[in-house]
Amino acid sequence: MRVVAYFTAVIARTSPDWRARDIEVDDVASLEDLTDQLRGVAVGDQPVLAVIEHEDEWFALVRVDGEEDPRLFVSDLGAASRSRYGSLLAAAADVDDTDDAGDDGDDGESDDDESDDEEQEPKVALWAGETDLLEDLGVSGRTLRKLVEENGDDPGAVLAEVGESVGFVELLDALR
């Protein structure tokens, strides 16, 4: 049986810096529960991010600012939906142009002859959610989409690039 490696971290903005917060993302039952916990560790109305990464497959960001609704981005919603975080991240499908995000032709490990014509070769956006959730922190939606499309097989590299721009790369590295 293959061991699935996940990395989770919660970081809160504290003026110019980011600080780690002690929340067990694995223990939350729903997006609402996670949102409440993120609000509980926020500094005023500063943003709080939950970072969830499945090694070599996908990552997700959940952002909360004060009492606003949570904002989500998932680099590969289809893969994330099959993980233990699937129900937590499902709301990302309700945002942006994600109608084709879950229909990437990969329903598992089936190699049916009927599906040969529709293999996942054509570039289909697998990401879902709000690509602009970090825009005010220095990462435009276009940049985030481009990073995911160019580095989809290395979510850690995307998070490192995003972290460098936003200012939390060293903190994420220390938490790994």
C-alpha atoms as a PDB file:
ATOM      1  CA  MET A   1       0.000   0.000   0.000  1.00  0.00           C
ATOM      2  CA  ARG A   2       1.316   3.423  -0.965  1.00  0.00           C
ATOM      3  CA  VAL A   3       1.850   5.950   1.805  1.00  0.00           C
ATOM      4  CA  VAL A   4       0.299   9.304   0.939  1.00  0.00           C
ATOM      5  CA  ALA A   5       2.367  12.251   2.122  1.00  0.00           C
ATOM      6  CA  TYR A   6       0.483  15.412   3.013  1.00  0.00           C
ATOM      7  CA  PHE A   7       1.840  18.699   4.296  1.00  0.00           C
ATOM      8  CA  THR A   8      -0.452  21.148   6.063  1.00  0.00           C
ATOM      9  CA  ALA A   9       0.322  24.492   7.640  1.00  0.00           C
ATOM     10  CA  VAL A  10      -1.629  27.475   8.887  1.00  0.00           C
ATOM     11  CA  ILE A  11       0.065  30.841   8.641  1.00  0.00           C
ATOM     12  CA  ALA A  12      -1.231  34.246   9.697  1.00  0.00           C
ATOM     13  CA  ARG A  13      -0.094  37.653   8.548  1.00  0.00           C
ATOM     14  CA  THR A  14       1.161  39.825  11.385  1.00  0.00           C
ATOM     15  CA  SER A  15       1.839  43.163   9.674  1.00  0.00           C
ATOM     16  CA  PRO A  16       4.798  42.626   7.361  1.00  0.00           C
ATOM     17  CA  ASP A  17       5.572  39.088   8.575  1.00  0.00           C
ATOM     18  CA  TRP A  18       3.827  35.724   8.601  1.00  0.00           C
ATOM     19  CA  ARG A  19       3.655  33.465  11.659  1.00  0.00           C
ATOM     20  CA  ALA A  20       2.774  29.804  11.992  1.00  0.00           C
ATOM     21  CA  ARG A  21      -0.407  29.010  13.886  1.00  0.00           C
ATOM     22  CA  ASP A  22      -1.182  25.789  15.706  1.00  0.00           C
ATOM     23  CA  ILE A  23      -4.216  24.318  13.970  1.00  0.00           C
ATOM     24  CA  GLU A  24      -4.536  20.669  13.024  1.00  0.00           C
ATOM     25  CA  VAL A  25      -6.079  20.862   9.578  1.00  0.00           C
ATOM     26  CA  ASP A  26      -6.484  17.072   9.632  1.00  0.00           C
ATOM     27  CA  ASP A  27      -8.911  17.377  12.541  1.00  0.00           C
ATOM     28  CA  VAL A  28     -11.429  19.758  10.937  1.00  0.00           C
ATOM     29  CA  ALA A  29     -14.678  18.257   9.745  1.00  0.00           C
ATOM     30  CA  SER A  30     -15.785  20.937   7.270  1.00  0.00           C
ATOM     31  CA  LEU A  31     -14.825  24.159   5.540  1.00  0.00           C
ATOM     32  CA  GLU A  32     -16.951  26.024   8.077  1.00  0.00           C
ATOM     33  CA  ASP A  33     -14.977  24.488  10.957  1.00  0.00           C
ATOM     34  CA  LEU A  34     -11.674  25.376   9.295  1.00  0.00           C
ATOM     35  CA  THR A  35     -12.898  28.919   8.640  1.00  0.00           C
ATOM     36  CA  ASP A  36     -13.832  29.358  12.306  1.00  0.00           C
ATOM     37  CA  GLN A  37     -10.440  28.071  13.426  1.00  0.00           C
ATOM     38  CA  LEU A  38      -8.600  30.321  10.963  1.00  0.00           C
ATOM     39  CA  ARG A  39     -10.534  33.339  12.216  1.00  0.00           C
ATOM     40  CA  GLY A  40      -9.616  32.355  15.761  1.00  0.00           C
ATOM     41  CA  VAL A  41      -5.869  32.706  15.069  1.00  0.00           C
ATOM     42  CA  ALA A  42      -6.026  35.835  12.919  1.00  0.00           C
ATOM     43  CA  VAL A  43      -4.403  39.092  13.954  1.00  0.00           C
ATOM     44  CA  GLY A  44      -7.244  41.567  13.495  1.00  0.00           C
ATOM     45  CA  ASP A  45      -8.496  41.426   9.924  1.00  0.00           C
ATOM     46  CA  GLN A  46      -5.141  40.283   8.545  1.00  0.00           C
ATOM     47  CA  PRO A  47      -5.230  37.259   6.223  1.00  0.00           C
ATOM     48  CA  VAL A  48      -4.772  33.708   7.455  1.00  0.00           C
ATOM     49  CA  LEU A  49      -3.848  30.918   5.028  1.00  0.00           C
ATOM     50  CA  ALA A  50      -4.243  27.193   5.357  1.00  0.00           C
ATOM     51  CA  VAL A  51      -1.795  25.442   3.024  1.00  0.00           C
ATOM     52  CA  ILE A  52      -2.521  21.830   2.108  1.00  0.00           C
ATOM     53  CA  GLU A  53      -0.206  19.914  -0.184  1.00  0.00           C
ATOM     54  CA  HIS A  54      -0.237  16.374  -1.467  1.00  0.00           C
ATOM     55  CA  GLU A  55       3.302  15.484  -2.461  1.00  0.00           C
ATOM     56  CA  ASP A  56       3.860  15.608  -6.226  1.00  0.00           C
ATOM     57  CA  GLU A  57       0.167  15.918  -7.001  1.00  0.00           C
ATOM     58  CA  TRP A  58      -1.688  19.051  -5.869  1.00  0.00           C
ATOM     59  CA  PHE A  59      -1.921  21.882  -3.370  1.00  0.00           C
ATOM     60  CA  ALA A  60      -4.701  24.018  -1.964  1.00  0.00           C
ATOM     61  CA  LEU A  61      -4.882  27.401  -0.286  1.00  0.00           C
ATOM     62  CA  VAL A  62      -7.738  28.443   1.965  1.00  0.00           C
ATOM     63  CA  ARG A  63      -7.724  32.138   2.856  1.00  0.00           C
ATOM     64  CA  VAL A  64      -9.762  33.923   5.496  1.00  0.00           C
ATOM     65  CA  ASP A  65      -9.794  37.685   6.062  1.00  0.00           C
ATOM     66  CA  GLY A  66     -11.781  38.808   9.115  1.00  0.00           C
ATOM     67  CA  GLU A  67     -15.435  37.888   8.810  1.00  0.00           C
ATOM     68  CA  GLU A  68     -15.386  37.511   5.021  1.00  0.00           C
ATOM     69  CA  ASP A  69     -16.229  34.195   3.398  1.00  0.00           C
ATOM     70  CA  PRO A  70     -13.301  31.821   2.914  1.00  0.00           C
ATOM     71  CA  ARG A  71     -11.545  31.912  -0.439  1.00  0.00           C
ATOM     72  CA  LEU A  72     -10.106  28.734  -1.961  1.00  0.00           C
ATOM     73  CA  PHE A  73      -7.740  27.729  -4.706  1.00  0.00           C
ATOM     74  CA  VAL A  74      -6.902  24.120  -5.595  1.00  0.00           C
ATOM     75  CA  SER A  75      -4.250  23.292  -8.183  1.00  0.00           C
ATOM     76  CA  ASP A  76      -5.941  20.017  -9.241  1.00  0.00           C
ATOM     77  CA  LEU A  77      -9.493  19.695  -7.987  1.00  0.00           C
ATOM     78  CA  GLY A  78     -10.029  16.244  -9.488  1.00  0.00           C
ATOM     79  CA  ALA A  79      -7.072  14.778  -7.595  1.00  0.00           C
ATOM     80  CA  ALA A  80      -7.858  16.712  -4.420  1.00  0.00           C
ATOM     81  CA  SER A  81     -11.463  15.516  -4.468  1.00  0.00           C
ATOM     82  CA  ARG A  82     -10.221  11.922  -4.160  1.00  0.00           C
ATOM     83  CA  SER A  83      -8.198  12.769  -1.066  1.00  0.00           C
ATOM     84  CA  ARG A  84      -9.234  12.959   2.564  1.00  0.00           C
ATOM     85  CA  TYR A  85      -9.587  16.737   2.039  1.00  0.00           C
ATOM     86  CA  GLY A  86     -12.068  16.343  -0.821  1.00  0.00           C
ATOM     87  CA  SER A  87     -15.164  17.497   1.023  1.00  0.00           C
ATOM     88  CA  LEU A  88     -13.261  20.367   2.638  1.00  0.00           C
ATOM     89  CA  LEU A  89     -12.091  21.697  -0.738  1.00  0.00           C
ATOM     90  CA  ALA A  90     -15.203  20.942  -2.810  1.00  0.00           C
ATOM     91  CA  ALA A  91     -16.397  24.551  -2.566  1.00  0.00           C
ATOM     92  CA  ALA A  92     -13.568  25.568  -4.911  1.00  0.00           C
ATOM     93  CA  ALA A  93     -15.599  24.029  -7.736  1.00  0.00           C
ATOM     94  CA  ASP A  94     -18.228  26.736  -7.274  1.00  0.00           C
ATOM     95  CA  VAL A  95     -15.832  29.514  -8.332  1.00  0.00           C
ATOM     96  CA  ASP A  96     -14.350  30.704 -11.643  1.00  0.00           C
ATOM     97  CA  ASP A  97     -14.551  28.718 -14.888  1.00  0.00           C
ATOM     98  CA  THR A  98     -14.169  25.262 -13.405  1.00  0.00           C
ATOM     99  CA  ASP A  99     -16.749  23.295 -15.377  1.00  0.00           C
ATOM    100  CA  ASP A 100     -13.976  21.212 -16.931  1.00  0.00           C
ATOM    101  CA  ALA A 101     -11.804  21.013 -13.799  1.00  0.00           C
ATOM    102  CA  GLY A 102     -13.216  17.708 -12.632  1.00  0.00           C
ATOM    103  CA  ASP A 103     -13.622  16.207 -16.115  1.00  0.00           C
ATOM    104  CA  ASP A 104      -9.998  15.595 -16.958  1.00  0.00           C
ATOM    105  CA  GLY A 105     -10.719  12.096 -18.243  1.00  0.00           C
ATOM    106  CA  ASP A 106      -8.916  10.481 -15.317  1.00  0.00           C
ATOM    107  CA  ASP A 107     -11.449   8.462 -13.386  1.00  0.00           C
ATOM    108  CA  GLY A 108      -8.850   6.233 -11.853  1.00  0.00           C
ATOM    109  CA  GLU A 109      -6.569   3.641 -13.342  1.00  0.00           C
ATOM    110  CA  SER A 110      -8.843   2.310 -16.072  1.00  0.00           C
ATOM    111  CA  ASP A 111      -7.340   1.777 -19.523  1.00  0.00           C
ATOM    112  CA  ASP A 112     -10.551   1.124 -21.448  1.00  0.00           C
ATOM    113  CA  ASP A 113     -10.247   1.111 -25.253  1.00  0.00           C
ATOM    114  CA  GLU A 114     -13.234   3.441 -25.453  1.00  0.00           C
ATOM    115  CA  SER A 115     -11.368   6.209 -23.642  1.00  0.00           C
ATOM    116  CA  ASP A 116      -8.259   6.166 -25.893  1.00  0.00           C
ATOM    117  CA  ASP A 117      -9.572   9.060 -27.980  1.00  0.00           C
ATOM    118  CA  GLU A 118     -10.187  11.142 -24.887  1.00  0.00           C
ATOM    119  CA  GLU A 119      -6.943  10.646 -22.961  1.00  0.00           C
ATOM    120  CA  GLN A 120      -5.836  13.556 -20.806  1.00  0.00           C
ATOM    121  CA  GLU A 121      -3.379  14.836 -23.450  1.00  0.00           C
ATOM    122  CA  PRO A 122      -5.288  18.034 -24.311  1.00  0.00           C
ATOM    123  CA  LYS A 123      -4.434  20.784 -21.828  1.00  0.00           C
ATOM    124  CA  VAL A 124      -7.456  21.155 -19.602  1.00  0.00           C
ATOM    125  CA  ALA A 125      -7.415  23.452 -16.608  1.00  0.00           C
ATOM    126  CA  LEU A 126      -7.463  21.194 -13.580  1.00  0.00           C
ATOM    127  CA  TRP A 127      -7.313  24.025 -11.054  1.00  0.00           C
ATOM    128  CA  ALA A 128     -10.385  25.455  -9.420  1.00  0.00           C
ATOM    129  CA  GLY A 129     -11.272  28.318  -7.162  1.00  0.00           C
ATOM    130  CA  GLU A 130     -10.263  31.938  -6.884  1.00  0.00           C
ATOM    131  CA  THR A 131      -7.037  32.431  -8.777  1.00  0.00           C
ATOM    132  CA  ASP A 132      -6.839  36.013  -7.527  1.00  0.00           C
ATOM    133  CA  LEU A 133      -6.980  35.172  -3.806  1.00  0.00           C
ATOM    134  CA  LEU A 134      -3.388  36.421  -3.357  1.00  0.00           C
ATOM    135  CA  GLU A 135      -3.595  39.396  -5.719  1.00  0.00           C
ATOM    136  CA  ASP A 136      -3.407  41.984  -2.918  1.00  0.00           C
ATOM    137  CA  LEU A 137      -0.325  40.162  -1.569  1.00  0.00           C
ATOM    138  CA  GLY A 138       1.611  40.263  -4.841  1.00  0.00           C
ATOM    139  CA  VAL A 139       0.543  37.191  -6.845  1.00  0.00           C
ATOM    140  CA  SER A 140      -1.922  37.905  -9.634  1.00  0.00           C
ATOM    141  CA  GLY A 141      -4.469  35.342 -10.745  1.00  0.00           C
ATOM    142  CA  ARG A 142      -2.740  35.096 -14.106  1.00  0.00           C
ATOM    143  CA  THR A 143       0.599  34.387 -12.407  1.00  0.00           C
ATOM    144  CA  LEU A 144      -0.898  31.714 -10.159  1.00  0.00           C
ATOM    145  CA  ARG A 145      -2.579  29.980 -13.110  1.00  0.00           C
ATOM    146  CA  LYS A 146       0.640  30.118 -15.145  1.00  0.00           C
ATOM    147  CA  LEU A 147       2.697  28.666 -12.284  1.00  0.00           C
ATOM    148  CA  VAL A 148       0.229  25.810 -11.841  1.00  0.00           C
ATOM    149  CA  GLU A 149       0.023  25.080 -15.557  1.00  0.00           C
ATOM    150  CA  GLU A 150       3.818  25.090 -15.966  1.00  0.00           C
ATOM    151  CA  ASN A 151       4.636  23.216 -12.729  1.00  0.00           C
ATOM    152  CA  GLY A 152       1.560  21.075 -12.161  1.00  0.00           C
ATOM    153  CA  ASP A 153       3.663  18.036 -11.333  1.00  0.00           C
ATOM    154  CA  ASP A 154       5.571  19.921  -8.619  1.00  0.00           C
ATOM    155  CA  PRO A 155       3.179  21.648  -6.222  1.00  0.00           C
ATOM    156  CA  GLY A 156       6.044  22.376  -3.836  1.00  0.00           C
ATOM    157  CA  ALA A 157       7.758  24.474  -6.505  1.00  0.00           C
ATOM    158  CA  VAL A 158       4.572  26.471  -7.082  1.00  0.00           C
ATOM    159  CA  LEU A 159       4.154  27.065  -3.345  1.00  0.00           C
ATOM    160  CA  ALA A 160       7.804  28.112  -3.073  1.00  0.00           C
ATOM    161  CA  GLU A 161       7.388  30.637  -5.888  1.00  0.00           C
ATOM    162  CA  VAL A 162       4.149  31.960  -4.398  1.00  0.00           C
ATOM    163  CA  GLY A 163       5.713  32.054  -0.927  1.00  0.00           C
ATOM    164  CA  GLU A 164       8.678  34.004  -2.252  1.00  0.00           C
ATOM    165  CA  SER A 165       6.367  36.648  -3.734  1.00  0.00           C
ATOM    166  CA  VAL A 166       4.065  36.851  -0.722  1.00  0.00           C
ATOM    167  CA  GLY A 167       6.793  36.613   1.911  1.00  0.00           C
ATOM    168  CA  PHE A 168       6.219  33.268   3.621  1.00  0.00           C
ATOM    169  CA  VAL A 169       8.600  30.921   1.772  1.00  0.00           C
ATOM    170  CA  GLU A 170      11.092  30.702   4.651  1.00  0.00           C
ATOM    171  CA  LEU A 171       8.309  29.993   7.139  1.00  0.00           C
ATOM    172  CA  LEU A 172       6.889  27.194   4.940  1.00  0.00           C
ATOM    173  CA  ASP A 173      10.348  25.724   4.521  1.00  0.00           C
ATOM    174  CA  ALA A 174      10.870  25.768   8.286  1.00  0.00           C
ATOM    175  CA  LEU A 175       7.512  24.062   8.877  1.00  0.00           C
ATOM    176  CA  ARG A 176       8.209  21.213   6.441  1.00  0.00           C
END
